Amino acid sequence: DVLDPERLIQCPYNKHHRIRACRFPYHLVKCRKSYPEVAKELATCPFNARHLVPQADLSDHIMKCNDKGLIEQDIVIQSSGFQREQMTAVSTWEAPPCDEDWETESLDQSDSPFVWGMT
């Protein structure tokens, strides 16, 4: 099962390393530092950072990567959901009641106009 966190995955830096899937991202960081020469030769898949392939094979990997389909599906679902939300979104906001009455307030004030700095 691909989603099994206990399944063993082979390390791209050292073929003798077999790591549990749940620990694999941490192992990649550690092994990348231990094998800098191998790390220079590998490229990271843009769809899944766990996929490290030789740089020469990256374009081929991108065309065949299983995670590419998942990302594309996700984008389609999100964009269609966003469009649906925009089409059906109705605001339920209502203005709060206003207690102000400017006409009454202006009658209550004195007849002298306001001048800044003068009391």
N, C-alpha and C. Protein backbone atom coordinates (compact mmCIF):
# COMPACT_ATOMS: atom_id res chain seq x y z
N ASP A 1 0.85 -1.20 0.00
CA ASP A 1 0.00 0.00 0.00
C ASP A 1 0.88 1.24 0.00
N VAL A 2 0.61 2.15 -0.91
CA VAL A 2 1.41 3.36 -1.07
C VAL A 2 1.26 4.28 0.15
N LEU A 3 0.11 4.26 0.80
CA LEU A 3 -0.13 5.16 1.92
C LEU A 3 0.31 4.58 3.27
N ASP A 4 0.87 3.39 3.27
CA ASP A 4 1.30 2.74 4.51
C ASP A 4 2.53 3.45 5.09
N PRO A 5 2.43 4.04 6.28
CA PRO A 5 3.57 4.76 6.86
C PRO A 5 4.71 3.84 7.29
N GLU A 6 4.45 2.53 7.37
CA GLU A 6 5.48 1.59 7.80
C GLU A 6 6.21 0.93 6.64
N ARG A 7 5.79 1.18 5.41
CA ARG A 7 6.47 0.55 4.27
C ARG A 7 7.89 1.09 4.14
N LEU A 8 8.77 0.29 3.61
CA LEU A 8 10.18 0.67 3.48
C LEU A 8 10.44 1.28 2.11
N ILE A 9 11.19 2.38 2.12
CA ILE A 9 11.55 3.09 0.89
C ILE A 9 13.07 3.14 0.81
N GLN A 10 13.58 2.95 -0.40
CA GLN A 10 15.03 2.98 -0.59
C GLN A 10 15.51 4.43 -0.69
N CYS A 11 16.56 4.75 0.00
CA CYS A 11 17.14 6.09 0.01
C CYS A 11 17.82 6.37 -1.34
N PRO A 12 17.59 7.54 -1.93
CA PRO A 12 18.24 7.85 -3.22
C PRO A 12 19.74 8.19 -3.07
N TYR A 13 20.16 8.48 -1.87
CA TYR A 13 21.56 8.85 -1.63
C TYR A 13 22.44 7.62 -1.37
N ASN A 14 21.88 6.63 -0.68
CA ASN A 14 22.62 5.42 -0.36
C ASN A 14 21.67 4.24 -0.54
N LYS A 15 21.93 3.40 -1.53
CA LYS A 15 21.02 2.29 -1.88
C LYS A 15 20.87 1.26 -0.76
N HIS A 16 21.77 1.28 0.21
CA HIS A 16 21.69 0.32 1.33
C HIS A 16 20.75 0.81 2.43
N HIS A 17 20.34 2.06 2.37
CA HIS A 17 19.42 2.60 3.36
C HIS A 17 17.98 2.29 2.95
N ARG A 18 17.25 1.67 3.87
CA ARG A 18 15.81 1.43 3.66
C ARG A 18 15.10 2.05 4.85
N ILE A 19 14.25 3.01 4.57
CA ILE A 19 13.66 3.84 5.62
C ILE A 19 12.13 3.68 5.59
N ARG A 20 11.51 3.72 6.77
CA ARG A 20 10.04 3.71 6.83
C ARG A 20 9.51 4.99 6.19
N ALA A 21 8.40 4.88 5.51
CA ALA A 21 7.82 6.01 4.77
C ALA A 21 7.56 7.21 5.68
N CYS A 22 7.14 6.96 6.92
CA CYS A 22 6.83 8.08 7.82
C CYS A 22 8.08 8.85 8.23
N ARG A 23 9.25 8.24 8.14
CA ARG A 23 10.51 8.89 8.51
C ARG A 23 11.31 9.37 7.29
N PHE A 24 10.84 9.06 6.10
CA PHE A 24 11.59 9.31 4.88
C PHE A 24 11.96 10.78 4.66
N PRO A 25 11.05 11.75 4.85
CA PRO A 25 11.44 13.15 4.64
C PRO A 25 12.59 13.59 5.55
N TYR A 26 12.57 13.14 6.79
CA TYR A 26 13.63 13.50 7.74
C TYR A 26 14.96 12.87 7.31
N HIS A 27 14.88 11.62 6.84
CA HIS A 27 16.08 10.93 6.40
C HIS A 27 16.69 11.62 5.19
N LEU A 28 15.85 12.09 4.27
CA LEU A 28 16.36 12.77 3.08
C LEU A 28 17.19 13.99 3.46
N VAL A 29 16.72 14.76 4.42
CA VAL A 29 17.45 15.97 4.85
C VAL A 29 18.80 15.57 5.42
N LYS A 30 18.79 14.55 6.28
CA LYS A 30 20.03 14.11 6.92
C LYS A 30 21.01 13.52 5.90
N CYS A 31 20.51 12.67 5.03
CA CYS A 31 21.39 12.00 4.06
C CYS A 31 21.92 12.97 3.01
N ARG A 32 21.14 13.99 2.68
CA ARG A 32 21.60 14.99 1.71
C ARG A 32 22.89 15.65 2.21
N LYS A 33 22.95 15.91 3.51
CA LYS A 33 24.15 16.52 4.09
C LYS A 33 25.31 15.53 4.11
N SER A 34 25.01 14.25 4.30
CA SER A 34 26.06 13.23 4.38
C SER A 34 26.64 12.86 3.02
N TYR A 35 25.85 13.06 1.96
CA TYR A 35 26.28 12.68 0.61
C TYR A 35 26.15 13.88 -0.34
N PRO A 36 26.93 14.94 -0.15
CA PRO A 36 26.78 16.15 -0.98
C PRO A 36 27.09 15.91 -2.46
N GLU A 37 27.99 14.99 -2.76
CA GLU A 37 28.32 14.72 -4.17
C GLU A 37 27.14 14.07 -4.89
N VAL A 38 26.48 13.14 -4.23
CA VAL A 38 25.31 12.49 -4.82
C VAL A 38 24.17 13.50 -4.94
N ALA A 39 24.04 14.37 -3.92
CA ALA A 39 22.97 15.37 -3.90
C ALA A 39 23.08 16.31 -5.09
N LYS A 40 24.30 16.63 -5.53
CA LYS A 40 24.50 17.52 -6.68
C LYS A 40 23.95 16.91 -7.97
N GLU A 41 23.93 15.58 -8.04
CA GLU A 41 23.51 14.89 -9.25
C GLU A 41 22.00 14.65 -9.30
N LEU A 42 21.32 14.85 -8.18
CA LEU A 42 19.89 14.57 -8.11
C LEU A 42 19.07 15.85 -8.19
N ALA A 43 17.89 15.73 -8.77
CA ALA A 43 16.95 16.86 -8.86
C ALA A 43 15.67 16.47 -8.11
N THR A 44 15.00 17.47 -7.58
CA THR A 44 13.77 17.24 -6.82
C THR A 44 12.56 17.45 -7.73
N CYS A 45 11.63 16.52 -7.66
CA CYS A 45 10.40 16.60 -8.43
C CYS A 45 9.57 17.78 -7.94
N PRO A 46 9.01 18.60 -8.84
CA PRO A 46 8.21 19.75 -8.40
C PRO A 46 6.85 19.35 -7.80
N PHE A 47 6.44 18.11 -8.01
CA PHE A 47 5.15 17.65 -7.52
C PHE A 47 5.24 16.91 -6.19
N ASN A 48 6.43 16.37 -5.87
CA ASN A 48 6.62 15.63 -4.63
C ASN A 48 8.10 15.68 -4.25
N ALA A 49 8.39 16.37 -3.17
CA ALA A 49 9.79 16.56 -2.75
C ALA A 49 10.46 15.26 -2.34
N ARG A 50 9.69 14.20 -2.17
CA ARG A 50 10.27 12.89 -1.84
C ARG A 50 10.85 12.21 -3.07
N HIS A 51 10.50 12.70 -4.24
CA HIS A 51 11.01 12.12 -5.48
C HIS A 51 12.31 12.81 -5.87
N LEU A 52 13.41 12.09 -5.73
CA LEU A 52 14.72 12.60 -6.14
C LEU A 52 15.20 11.73 -7.29
N VAL A 53 15.44 12.35 -8.42
CA VAL A 53 15.83 11.60 -9.62
C VAL A 53 17.09 12.23 -10.20
N PRO A 54 17.84 11.48 -10.99
CA PRO A 54 19.00 12.09 -11.65
C PRO A 54 18.54 13.28 -12.49
N GLN A 55 19.35 14.34 -12.50
CA GLN A 55 18.96 15.58 -13.18
C GLN A 55 18.61 15.34 -14.65
N ALA A 56 19.31 14.43 -15.29
CA ALA A 56 19.06 14.15 -16.71
C ALA A 56 17.68 13.52 -16.92
N ASP A 57 17.14 12.88 -15.91
CA ASP A 57 15.85 12.18 -16.02
C ASP A 57 14.68 13.00 -15.49
N LEU A 58 14.92 14.21 -15.03
CA LEU A 58 13.86 14.99 -14.39
C LEU A 58 12.68 15.27 -15.32
N SER A 59 12.94 15.70 -16.56
CA SER A 59 11.83 16.03 -17.46
C SER A 59 10.99 14.79 -17.76
N ASP A 60 11.64 13.63 -17.91
CA ASP A 60 10.90 12.39 -18.13
C ASP A 60 10.07 12.04 -16.89
N HIS A 61 10.66 12.22 -15.72
CA HIS A 61 9.94 11.95 -14.47
C HIS A 61 8.72 12.86 -14.34
N ILE A 62 8.88 14.13 -14.66
CA ILE A 62 7.77 15.09 -14.55
C ILE A 62 6.61 14.66 -15.45
N MET A 63 6.91 14.17 -16.63
CA MET A 63 5.84 13.73 -17.55
C MET A 63 5.09 12.53 -17.00
N LYS A 64 5.78 11.65 -16.25
CA LYS A 64 5.17 10.39 -15.79
C LYS A 64 4.79 10.40 -14.31
N CYS A 65 5.13 11.43 -13.57
CA CYS A 65 4.94 11.45 -12.12
C CYS A 65 3.46 11.28 -11.76
N ASN A 66 3.17 10.31 -10.89
CA ASN A 66 1.80 10.06 -10.44
C ASN A 66 1.23 11.24 -9.67
N ASP A 67 2.07 11.94 -8.96
CA ASP A 67 1.61 13.07 -8.14
C ASP A 67 1.22 14.27 -9.00
N LYS A 68 1.67 14.32 -10.22
CA LYS A 68 1.30 15.41 -11.13
C LYS A 68 -0.21 15.41 -11.33
N GLY A 69 -0.78 14.24 -11.53
CA GLY A 69 -2.22 14.12 -11.70
C GLY A 69 -2.99 14.57 -10.48
N LEU A 70 -2.47 14.26 -9.31
CA LEU A 70 -3.13 14.67 -8.07
C LEU A 70 -3.12 16.19 -7.92
N ILE A 71 -2.00 16.81 -8.26
CA ILE A 71 -1.88 18.26 -8.17
C ILE A 71 -2.83 18.92 -9.18
N GLU A 72 -2.84 18.40 -10.41
CA GLU A 72 -3.72 18.96 -11.43
C GLU A 72 -5.18 18.82 -11.03
N GLN A 73 -5.54 17.65 -10.47
CA GLN A 73 -6.90 17.42 -10.00
C GLN A 73 -7.26 18.42 -8.91
N ASP A 74 -6.34 18.61 -8.00
CA ASP A 74 -6.56 19.53 -6.89
C ASP A 74 -6.79 20.95 -7.40
N ILE A 75 -6.01 21.36 -8.39
CA ILE A 75 -6.15 22.70 -8.95
C ILE A 75 -7.52 22.86 -9.61
N VAL A 76 -7.95 21.85 -10.36
CA VAL A 76 -9.25 21.90 -11.02
C VAL A 76 -10.37 21.98 -10.00
N ILE A 77 -10.28 21.15 -8.96
CA ILE A 77 -11.32 21.14 -7.92
C ILE A 77 -11.38 22.48 -7.21
N GLN A 78 -10.22 23.01 -6.86
CA GLN A 78 -10.19 24.30 -6.16
C GLN A 78 -10.72 25.42 -7.04
N SER A 79 -10.33 25.44 -8.30
CA SER A 79 -10.78 26.54 -9.17
C SER A 79 -12.27 26.43 -9.44
N SER A 80 -12.80 25.23 -9.63
CA SER A 80 -14.24 25.10 -9.87
C SER A 80 -15.01 25.44 -8.60
N GLY A 81 -14.49 25.07 -7.45
CA GLY A 81 -15.13 25.43 -6.18
C GLY A 81 -15.13 26.92 -5.97
N PHE A 82 -14.02 27.58 -6.35
CA PHE A 82 -13.92 29.03 -6.20
C PHE A 82 -14.93 29.73 -7.11
N GLN A 83 -15.05 29.23 -8.34
CA GLN A 83 -16.02 29.82 -9.27
C GLN A 83 -17.44 29.64 -8.76
N ARG A 84 -17.73 28.45 -8.24
CA ARG A 84 -19.06 28.18 -7.69
C ARG A 84 -19.36 29.10 -6.53
N GLU A 85 -18.37 29.29 -5.65
CA GLU A 85 -18.56 30.17 -4.49
C GLU A 85 -18.84 31.60 -4.94
N GLN A 86 -18.12 32.05 -5.96
CA GLN A 86 -18.32 33.42 -6.43
C GLN A 86 -19.68 33.59 -7.06
N MET A 87 -20.17 32.56 -7.74
CA MET A 87 -21.47 32.66 -8.40
C MET A 87 -22.61 32.59 -7.39
N THR A 88 -22.45 31.80 -6.34
CA THR A 88 -23.55 31.60 -5.40
C THR A 88 -23.39 32.40 -4.11
N ALA A 89 -22.32 33.13 -3.99
CA ALA A 89 -22.09 33.88 -2.75
C ALA A 89 -23.10 35.02 -2.64
N VAL A 90 -23.78 35.03 -1.52
CA VAL A 90 -24.74 36.09 -1.23
C VAL A 90 -24.36 36.66 0.13
N SER A 91 -24.23 37.94 0.18
CA SER A 91 -23.84 38.57 1.43
C SER A 91 -25.02 38.60 2.40
N THR A 92 -24.76 38.25 3.64
CA THR A 92 -25.81 38.30 4.67
C THR A 92 -25.54 39.47 5.61
N TRP A 93 -24.59 40.31 5.24
CA TRP A 93 -24.23 41.44 6.09
C TRP A 93 -25.34 42.48 6.07
N GLU A 94 -25.65 43.01 7.25
CA GLU A 94 -26.62 44.08 7.36
C GLU A 94 -26.00 45.22 8.15
N ALA A 95 -26.31 46.41 7.76
CA ALA A 95 -25.79 47.57 8.48
C ALA A 95 -26.41 47.62 9.87
N PRO A 96 -25.61 47.95 10.89
CA PRO A 96 -26.17 48.05 12.24
C PRO A 96 -27.12 49.25 12.31
N PRO A 97 -28.07 49.22 13.23
CA PRO A 97 -29.00 50.35 13.34
C PRO A 97 -28.24 51.63 13.70
N CYS A 98 -28.68 52.73 13.14
CA CYS A 98 -28.01 54.00 13.34
C CYS A 98 -28.83 54.86 14.30
N ASP A 99 -28.19 55.31 15.37
CA ASP A 99 -28.86 56.16 16.36
C ASP A 99 -28.64 57.64 16.09
N GLU A 100 -27.87 57.96 15.06
CA GLU A 100 -27.55 59.35 14.79
C GLU A 100 -28.66 60.04 14.01
N ASP A 101 -28.89 61.27 14.35
CA ASP A 101 -29.81 62.11 13.58
C ASP A 101 -29.11 63.44 13.38
N TRP A 102 -28.49 63.62 12.24
CA TRP A 102 -27.67 64.79 12.00
C TRP A 102 -28.49 66.09 12.01
N GLU A 103 -29.72 66.02 11.57
CA GLU A 103 -30.54 67.23 11.54
C GLU A 103 -30.82 67.72 12.96
N THR A 104 -31.16 66.81 13.85
CA THR A 104 -31.43 67.20 15.23
C THR A 104 -30.15 67.69 15.89
N GLU A 105 -29.03 67.02 15.64
CA GLU A 105 -27.76 67.42 16.24
C GLU A 105 -27.35 68.81 15.77
N SER A 106 -27.58 69.12 14.51
CA SER A 106 -27.18 70.43 14.01
C SER A 106 -28.04 71.54 14.62
N LEU A 107 -29.29 71.25 14.95
CA LEU A 107 -30.16 72.24 15.58
C LEU A 107 -29.75 72.47 17.04
N ASP A 108 -29.27 71.40 17.69
CA ASP A 108 -28.87 71.49 19.10
C ASP A 108 -27.58 72.27 19.28
N GLN A 109 -26.73 72.33 18.27
CA GLN A 109 -25.44 73.02 18.42
C GLN A 109 -25.65 74.53 18.31
N SER A 110 -24.68 75.25 18.83
CA SER A 110 -24.77 76.72 18.76
C SER A 110 -24.64 77.20 17.32
N ASP A 111 -25.03 78.44 17.09
CA ASP A 111 -25.01 78.99 15.73
C ASP A 111 -23.61 79.39 15.27
N SER A 112 -22.64 79.47 16.20
CA SER A 112 -21.30 79.88 15.78
C SER A 112 -20.59 78.72 15.07
N PRO A 113 -19.91 79.02 13.95
CA PRO A 113 -19.24 77.97 13.20
C PRO A 113 -17.95 77.53 13.94
N PHE A 114 -17.53 76.35 13.66
CA PHE A 114 -16.31 75.81 14.25
C PHE A 114 -15.10 76.39 13.52
N VAL A 115 -14.14 76.90 14.29
CA VAL A 115 -12.89 77.41 13.72
C VAL A 115 -11.77 76.74 14.50
N TRP A 116 -10.88 76.11 13.78
CA TRP A 116 -9.78 75.37 14.43
C TRP A 116 -8.90 76.32 15.24
N GLY A 117 -8.62 75.93 16.49
CA GLY A 117 -7.73 76.68 17.35
C GLY A 117 -8.44 77.79 18.13
N MET A 118 -9.73 77.98 17.93
CA MET A 118 -10.46 79.01 18.65
C MET A 118 -11.54 78.35 19.47
N THR A 119 -11.72 78.82 20.67
CA THR A 119 -12.77 78.26 21.52
C THR A 119 -13.90 79.25 21.73
